[in-house]
């Protein structure tokens, strides 16, 4: 089916769409932390790079990245349409992730969405506990 909007109008419409909590990433980590009694984290904190979770006292910041949007080397897929656009878009996302990670290296880390799979949940939680212990 043909798009009813012009290319410019479709771009404007899509630019106004903002995501919120994602079940596969942020909400899964919230469930994991609550399940294991982890407290003290906040969301939407005013920290460079807009990390998903911040433990202010421990100075730990965490970002949970979806495999598609952040180019996970193990699980990312490529779009069949407009490959050049998506290649450039995902490259910009990866560069931004590297810049943010560099700035937050002392306080946190980045995790792929796949780090939240049930089979890896214990190891992911152990990373969080170690980072909080080191940050405190």
N, C-alpha and C. Protein backbone atom coordinates (compact mmCIF):
# COMPACT_ATOMS: atom_id res chain seq x y z
N UNK A 1 0.84 -1.18 0.00
CA UNK A 1 0.00 0.00 0.00
C UNK A 1 0.89 1.24 0.00
N UNK A 2 0.57 2.18 -0.81
CA UNK A 2 1.35 3.42 -0.92
C UNK A 2 1.08 4.31 0.30
N UNK A 3 2.11 5.04 0.69
CA UNK A 3 1.99 5.95 1.82
C UNK A 3 1.13 7.14 1.40
N UNK A 4 0.23 7.57 2.28
CA UNK A 4 -0.65 8.70 1.95
C UNK A 4 0.04 10.04 2.17
N UNK A 5 1.19 10.05 2.87
CA UNK A 5 1.93 11.28 3.14
C UNK A 5 3.11 11.42 2.19
N UNK A 6 3.52 12.67 1.99
CA UNK A 6 4.75 12.91 1.25
C UNK A 6 5.92 12.44 2.12
N UNK A 7 7.09 12.32 1.52
CA UNK A 7 8.27 11.88 2.27
C UNK A 7 8.57 12.85 3.42
N UNK A 8 8.45 14.15 3.17
CA UNK A 8 8.72 15.16 4.21
C UNK A 8 7.70 15.07 5.34
N UNK A 9 6.42 14.89 4.99
CA UNK A 9 5.37 14.79 6.01
C UNK A 9 5.55 13.52 6.83
N UNK A 10 5.87 12.40 6.18
CA UNK A 10 6.09 11.14 6.91
C UNK A 10 7.25 11.30 7.88
N UNK A 11 8.31 11.97 7.45
CA UNK A 11 9.46 12.20 8.32
C UNK A 11 9.06 13.03 9.53
N UNK A 12 8.27 14.08 9.31
CA UNK A 12 7.81 14.93 10.42
C UNK A 12 6.94 14.15 11.39
N UNK A 13 6.05 13.31 10.87
CA UNK A 13 5.18 12.50 11.72
C UNK A 13 6.00 11.52 12.55
N UNK A 14 6.93 10.84 11.92
CA UNK A 14 7.74 9.85 12.62
C UNK A 14 8.66 10.51 13.67
N UNK A 15 9.13 11.71 13.39
CA UNK A 15 10.02 12.40 14.33
C UNK A 15 9.30 12.76 15.62
N UNK A 16 7.98 12.88 15.58
CA UNK A 16 7.22 13.24 16.77
C UNK A 16 6.90 12.04 17.67
N UNK A 17 7.16 10.85 17.20
CA UNK A 17 6.88 9.65 17.98
C UNK A 17 7.99 9.46 19.01
N UNK A 18 7.63 9.34 20.25
CA UNK A 18 8.59 9.14 21.33
C UNK A 18 8.27 7.82 22.03
N UNK A 19 9.29 7.06 22.27
CA UNK A 19 9.12 5.78 22.95
C UNK A 19 9.03 5.97 24.45
N UNK A 20 8.55 4.95 25.11
CA UNK A 20 8.53 4.93 26.57
C UNK A 20 9.01 3.56 27.00
N UNK A 21 8.87 3.23 28.26
CA UNK A 21 9.38 1.97 28.78
C UNK A 21 9.15 0.81 27.84
N UNK A 22 10.16 0.01 27.66
CA UNK A 22 10.12 -1.09 26.71
C UNK A 22 10.17 -2.40 27.48
N UNK A 23 9.19 -3.24 27.28
CA UNK A 23 9.09 -4.50 28.03
C UNK A 23 10.35 -5.34 27.91
N UNK A 24 10.96 -5.37 26.74
CA UNK A 24 12.12 -6.24 26.52
C UNK A 24 13.39 -5.67 27.14
N UNK A 25 13.40 -4.40 27.51
CA UNK A 25 14.64 -3.83 28.02
C UNK A 25 14.43 -3.22 29.40
N UNK A 26 14.05 -1.96 29.48
CA UNK A 26 13.95 -1.29 30.77
C UNK A 26 13.01 -1.99 31.74
N UNK A 27 11.83 -2.38 31.27
CA UNK A 27 10.87 -3.01 32.18
C UNK A 27 11.36 -4.37 32.65
N UNK A 28 12.11 -5.08 31.82
CA UNK A 28 12.68 -6.36 32.24
C UNK A 28 13.72 -6.14 33.33
N UNK A 29 14.56 -5.10 33.19
CA UNK A 29 15.55 -4.83 34.22
C UNK A 29 14.89 -4.39 35.53
N UNK A 30 13.84 -3.59 35.44
CA UNK A 30 13.10 -3.21 36.64
C UNK A 30 12.60 -4.46 37.36
N UNK A 31 12.00 -5.38 36.61
CA UNK A 31 11.49 -6.61 37.22
C UNK A 31 12.62 -7.40 37.86
N UNK A 32 13.75 -7.49 37.19
CA UNK A 32 14.90 -8.23 37.72
C UNK A 32 15.40 -7.58 39.01
N UNK A 33 15.54 -6.27 39.03
CA UNK A 33 16.03 -5.60 40.23
C UNK A 33 15.04 -5.73 41.39
N UNK A 34 13.74 -5.59 41.10
CA UNK A 34 12.74 -5.75 42.16
C UNK A 34 12.70 -7.17 42.68
N UNK A 35 12.81 -8.13 41.79
CA UNK A 35 12.79 -9.54 42.17
C UNK A 35 13.90 -9.86 43.16
N UNK A 36 15.03 -9.18 43.03
CA UNK A 36 16.18 -9.44 43.88
C UNK A 36 16.39 -8.37 44.94
N UNK A 37 15.39 -7.51 45.15
CA UNK A 37 15.44 -6.53 46.24
C UNK A 37 16.39 -5.37 46.04
N UNK A 38 16.80 -5.10 44.81
CA UNK A 38 17.69 -3.98 44.55
C UNK A 38 16.90 -2.68 44.66
N UNK A 39 17.42 -1.73 45.42
CA UNK A 39 16.74 -0.45 45.63
C UNK A 39 17.69 0.70 45.37
N UNK A 40 17.15 1.90 45.37
CA UNK A 40 17.97 3.09 45.25
C UNK A 40 18.12 3.63 43.84
N UNK A 41 17.56 2.95 42.85
CA UNK A 41 17.70 3.43 41.47
C UNK A 41 16.57 4.39 41.13
N UNK A 42 16.86 5.26 40.21
CA UNK A 42 15.88 6.22 39.70
C UNK A 42 15.94 6.21 38.18
N UNK A 43 14.81 6.55 37.60
CA UNK A 43 14.74 6.69 36.14
C UNK A 43 14.60 8.16 35.81
N UNK A 44 14.91 8.53 34.57
CA UNK A 44 14.77 9.90 34.07
C UNK A 44 15.58 10.91 34.86
N UNK A 45 16.72 10.52 35.39
CA UNK A 45 17.59 11.44 36.12
C UNK A 45 18.31 12.36 35.13
N UNK A 46 18.64 13.54 35.57
CA UNK A 46 19.34 14.52 34.72
C UNK A 46 20.83 14.21 34.73
N UNK A 47 21.23 13.23 33.94
CA UNK A 47 22.62 12.80 33.83
C UNK A 47 22.98 12.77 32.35
N UNK A 48 24.22 13.14 32.01
CA UNK A 48 24.66 13.15 30.63
C UNK A 48 24.35 11.82 29.95
N UNK A 49 23.81 11.88 28.75
CA UNK A 49 23.52 10.69 27.98
C UNK A 49 22.16 10.08 28.28
N UNK A 50 21.44 10.61 29.25
CA UNK A 50 20.12 10.13 29.64
C UNK A 50 20.10 8.62 29.91
N UNK A 51 20.92 8.15 30.86
CA UNK A 51 20.90 6.71 31.16
C UNK A 51 19.53 6.29 31.67
N UNK A 52 19.20 5.02 31.49
CA UNK A 52 17.89 4.51 31.88
C UNK A 52 17.73 4.41 33.39
N UNK A 53 18.81 4.10 34.10
CA UNK A 53 18.78 3.94 35.55
C UNK A 53 19.99 4.62 36.17
N UNK A 54 19.77 5.30 37.28
CA UNK A 54 20.85 5.97 37.98
C UNK A 54 20.76 5.64 39.46
N UNK A 55 21.89 5.21 40.03
CA UNK A 55 22.05 5.04 41.47
C UNK A 55 22.93 6.22 41.89
N UNK A 56 22.32 7.33 42.32
CA UNK A 56 23.06 8.56 42.58
C UNK A 56 24.13 8.40 43.66
N UNK A 57 23.77 7.84 44.79
CA UNK A 57 24.71 7.72 45.91
C UNK A 57 25.96 6.95 45.48
N UNK A 58 25.76 5.88 44.71
CA UNK A 58 26.88 5.04 44.28
C UNK A 58 27.55 5.56 43.01
N UNK A 59 26.94 6.58 42.40
CA UNK A 59 27.42 7.16 41.14
C UNK A 59 27.52 6.10 40.04
N UNK A 60 26.47 5.32 39.94
CA UNK A 60 26.39 4.28 38.91
C UNK A 60 25.24 4.63 37.98
N UNK A 61 25.52 4.63 36.69
CA UNK A 61 24.51 4.90 35.67
C UNK A 61 24.45 3.70 34.73
N UNK A 62 23.23 3.30 34.36
CA UNK A 62 23.06 2.15 33.48
C UNK A 62 22.14 2.51 32.33
N UNK A 63 22.54 2.06 31.16
CA UNK A 63 21.68 2.17 29.99
C UNK A 63 21.44 0.76 29.47
N UNK A 64 20.20 0.47 29.15
CA UNK A 64 19.84 -0.85 28.63
C UNK A 64 19.44 -0.62 27.18
N UNK A 65 20.23 -1.18 26.28
CA UNK A 65 20.05 -0.90 24.86
C UNK A 65 19.38 -2.04 24.12
N UNK A 66 18.38 -1.70 23.31
CA UNK A 66 17.74 -2.69 22.47
C UNK A 66 18.67 -3.13 21.35
N UNK A 67 18.62 -4.40 21.03
CA UNK A 67 19.55 -4.97 20.04
C UNK A 67 19.42 -4.31 18.67
N UNK A 68 18.22 -4.03 18.22
CA UNK A 68 18.06 -3.44 16.90
C UNK A 68 18.62 -2.02 16.86
N UNK A 69 18.15 -1.15 17.77
CA UNK A 69 18.48 0.27 17.72
C UNK A 69 19.93 0.56 18.03
N UNK A 70 20.61 -0.35 18.70
CA UNK A 70 21.98 -0.09 19.10
C UNK A 70 22.98 -1.04 18.45
N UNK A 71 22.52 -1.80 17.47
CA UNK A 71 23.42 -2.61 16.65
C UNK A 71 24.13 -3.74 17.37
N UNK A 72 23.43 -4.44 18.23
CA UNK A 72 24.04 -5.58 18.93
C UNK A 72 24.68 -6.53 17.93
N UNK A 73 25.96 -6.85 18.13
CA UNK A 73 26.64 -7.72 17.16
C UNK A 73 26.08 -9.14 17.11
N UNK A 74 25.39 -9.58 18.15
CA UNK A 74 24.85 -10.94 18.17
C UNK A 74 23.41 -11.03 17.68
N UNK A 75 22.59 -9.98 17.94
CA UNK A 75 21.16 -10.12 17.70
C UNK A 75 20.53 -9.07 16.79
N UNK A 76 21.27 -8.08 16.38
CA UNK A 76 20.69 -7.03 15.54
C UNK A 76 20.26 -7.59 14.19
N UNK A 77 19.20 -7.06 13.67
CA UNK A 77 18.74 -7.42 12.33
C UNK A 77 18.84 -6.18 11.45
N UNK A 78 18.82 -6.38 10.14
CA UNK A 78 18.87 -5.24 9.24
C UNK A 78 17.53 -5.13 8.52
N UNK A 79 17.16 -3.90 8.28
CA UNK A 79 15.90 -3.64 7.60
C UNK A 79 16.03 -3.96 6.11
N UNK A 80 14.98 -4.51 5.55
CA UNK A 80 14.99 -4.83 4.12
C UNK A 80 14.75 -3.58 3.27
N UNK A 81 14.13 -2.58 3.85
CA UNK A 81 13.81 -1.35 3.12
C UNK A 81 14.76 -0.24 3.51
N UNK A 82 15.16 0.56 2.53
CA UNK A 82 15.96 1.75 2.75
C UNK A 82 17.24 1.45 3.53
N UNK A 83 17.98 0.46 3.06
CA UNK A 83 19.18 -0.02 3.76
C UNK A 83 20.21 1.08 4.03
N UNK A 84 20.41 1.97 3.08
CA UNK A 84 21.41 3.03 3.26
C UNK A 84 21.03 3.93 4.44
N UNK A 85 19.76 4.29 4.53
CA UNK A 85 19.30 5.12 5.64
C UNK A 85 19.54 4.41 6.96
N UNK A 86 19.12 3.14 7.07
CA UNK A 86 19.25 2.41 8.33
C UNK A 86 20.69 2.16 8.71
N UNK A 87 21.54 1.91 7.73
CA UNK A 87 22.96 1.70 8.02
C UNK A 87 23.54 2.97 8.64
N UNK A 88 23.23 4.13 8.05
CA UNK A 88 23.73 5.40 8.57
C UNK A 88 23.12 5.71 9.94
N UNK A 89 21.82 5.46 10.10
CA UNK A 89 21.13 5.72 11.37
C UNK A 89 21.74 4.90 12.50
N UNK A 90 21.93 3.61 12.27
CA UNK A 90 22.47 2.73 13.31
C UNK A 90 23.94 3.05 13.58
N UNK A 91 24.66 3.51 12.58
CA UNK A 91 26.06 3.93 12.80
C UNK A 91 26.10 5.16 13.70
N UNK A 92 25.18 6.11 13.48
CA UNK A 92 25.11 7.29 14.36
C UNK A 92 24.76 6.88 15.79
N UNK A 93 23.79 5.95 15.92
CA UNK A 93 23.43 5.47 17.26
C UNK A 93 24.64 4.86 17.96
N UNK A 94 25.39 4.04 17.22
CA UNK A 94 26.57 3.39 17.81
C UNK A 94 27.62 4.41 18.22
N UNK A 95 27.83 5.43 17.40
CA UNK A 95 28.80 6.47 17.76
C UNK A 95 28.34 7.22 19.00
N UNK A 96 27.07 7.56 19.06
CA UNK A 96 26.54 8.25 20.24
C UNK A 96 26.71 7.37 21.48
N UNK A 97 26.44 6.06 21.35
CA UNK A 97 26.62 5.14 22.47
C UNK A 97 28.06 5.13 22.95
N UNK A 98 29.01 5.12 22.02
CA UNK A 98 30.43 5.13 22.40
C UNK A 98 30.79 6.43 23.13
N UNK A 99 30.27 7.56 22.64
CA UNK A 99 30.54 8.85 23.28
C UNK A 99 29.97 8.88 24.70
N UNK A 100 28.73 8.43 24.86
CA UNK A 100 28.11 8.42 26.18
C UNK A 100 28.84 7.46 27.10
N UNK A 101 29.18 6.28 26.60
CA UNK A 101 29.90 5.30 27.41
C UNK A 101 31.23 5.87 27.89
N UNK A 102 31.94 6.53 27.01
CA UNK A 102 33.22 7.14 27.37
C UNK A 102 33.03 8.13 28.51
N UNK A 103 31.98 8.96 28.43
CA UNK A 103 31.73 9.97 29.46
C UNK A 103 31.29 9.34 30.78
N UNK A 104 30.58 8.21 30.72
CA UNK A 104 30.05 7.60 31.94
C UNK A 104 30.86 6.39 32.41
N UNK A 105 32.00 6.14 31.80
CA UNK A 105 32.79 4.93 32.08
C UNK A 105 33.01 4.71 33.57
N UNK A 106 33.33 5.76 34.30
CA UNK A 106 33.61 5.60 35.72
C UNK A 106 32.36 5.28 36.54
N UNK A 107 31.20 5.65 36.03
CA UNK A 107 29.98 5.49 36.82
C UNK A 107 29.09 4.34 36.37
N UNK A 108 29.28 3.78 35.21
CA UNK A 108 28.34 2.78 34.74
C UNK A 108 28.82 2.01 33.54
N UNK A 109 27.89 1.45 32.86
CA UNK A 109 28.19 0.63 31.69
C UNK A 109 26.97 0.59 30.80
N UNK A 110 27.12 -0.06 29.66
CA UNK A 110 25.99 -0.26 28.76
C UNK A 110 25.73 -1.74 28.67
N UNK A 111 24.50 -2.14 28.55
CA UNK A 111 24.14 -3.55 28.43
C UNK A 111 23.29 -3.72 27.18
N UNK A 112 23.47 -4.82 26.52
CA UNK A 112 22.59 -5.14 25.40
C UNK A 112 21.30 -5.71 25.95
N UNK A 113 20.26 -5.62 25.18
CA UNK A 113 18.97 -6.19 25.53
C UNK A 113 19.12 -7.68 25.85
N UNK A 114 19.97 -8.36 25.12
CA UNK A 114 20.12 -9.80 25.31
C UNK A 114 20.70 -10.15 26.68
N UNK A 115 21.31 -9.19 27.37
CA UNK A 115 21.83 -9.44 28.71
C UNK A 115 20.71 -9.63 29.73
N UNK A 116 19.48 -9.37 29.32
CA UNK A 116 18.35 -9.48 30.23
C UNK A 116 17.55 -10.76 30.01
N UNK A 117 18.00 -11.62 29.13
CA UNK A 117 17.32 -12.90 28.93
C UNK A 117 17.37 -13.68 30.24
N UNK A 118 16.36 -14.47 30.50
CA UNK A 118 16.30 -15.21 31.75
C UNK A 118 17.56 -16.04 31.99
N UNK A 119 18.12 -16.60 30.93
CA UNK A 119 19.31 -17.43 31.08
C UNK A 119 20.53 -16.62 31.54
N UNK A 120 20.50 -15.31 31.31
CA UNK A 120 21.64 -14.46 31.68
C UNK A 120 21.32 -13.52 32.83
N UNK A 121 20.12 -13.62 33.39
CA UNK A 121 19.67 -12.68 34.42
C UNK A 121 20.57 -12.71 35.65
N UNK A 122 20.97 -13.88 36.11
CA UNK A 122 21.81 -13.97 37.31
C UNK A 122 23.15 -13.27 37.08
N UNK A 123 23.76 -13.46 35.92
CA UNK A 123 25.04 -12.81 35.62
C UNK A 123 24.87 -11.30 35.51
N UNK A 124 23.78 -10.86 34.92
CA UNK A 124 23.52 -9.43 34.80
C UNK A 124 23.33 -8.81 36.18
N UNK A 125 22.56 -9.46 37.03
CA UNK A 125 22.35 -8.95 38.38
C UNK A 125 23.68 -8.90 39.14
N UNK A 126 24.52 -9.89 38.97
CA UNK A 126 25.84 -9.90 39.62
C UNK A 126 26.67 -8.70 39.18
N UNK A 127 26.60 -8.33 37.90
CA UNK A 127 27.31 -7.14 37.40
C UNK A 127 26.80 -5.89 38.10
N UNK A 128 25.49 -5.80 38.27
CA UNK A 128 24.90 -4.63 38.93
C UNK A 128 25.39 -4.56 40.37
N UNK A 129 25.34 -5.66 41.09
CA UNK A 129 25.77 -5.70 42.49
C UNK A 129 27.24 -5.30 42.61
N UNK A 130 28.10 -5.82 41.73
CA UNK A 130 29.53 -5.47 41.76
C UNK A 130 29.73 -3.98 41.49
N UNK A 131 29.01 -3.45 40.52
CA UNK A 131 29.16 -2.03 40.19
C UNK A 131 28.70 -1.14 41.36
N UNK A 132 27.62 -1.54 42.00
CA UNK A 132 27.13 -0.75 43.14
C UNK A 132 28.11 -0.82 44.31
N UNK A 133 28.68 -1.99 44.54
CA UNK A 133 29.66 -2.14 45.62
C UNK A 133 30.90 -1.30 45.35
N UNK A 134 31.35 -1.27 44.11
CA UNK A 134 32.54 -0.51 43.74
C UNK A 134 32.26 1.00 43.77
N UNK A 135 31.02 1.38 43.46
CA UNK A 135 30.67 2.79 43.40
C UNK A 135 30.41 3.41 44.76
N UNK A 136 30.10 2.59 45.77
CA UNK A 136 29.72 3.11 47.08
C UNK A 136 30.86 3.46 47.98
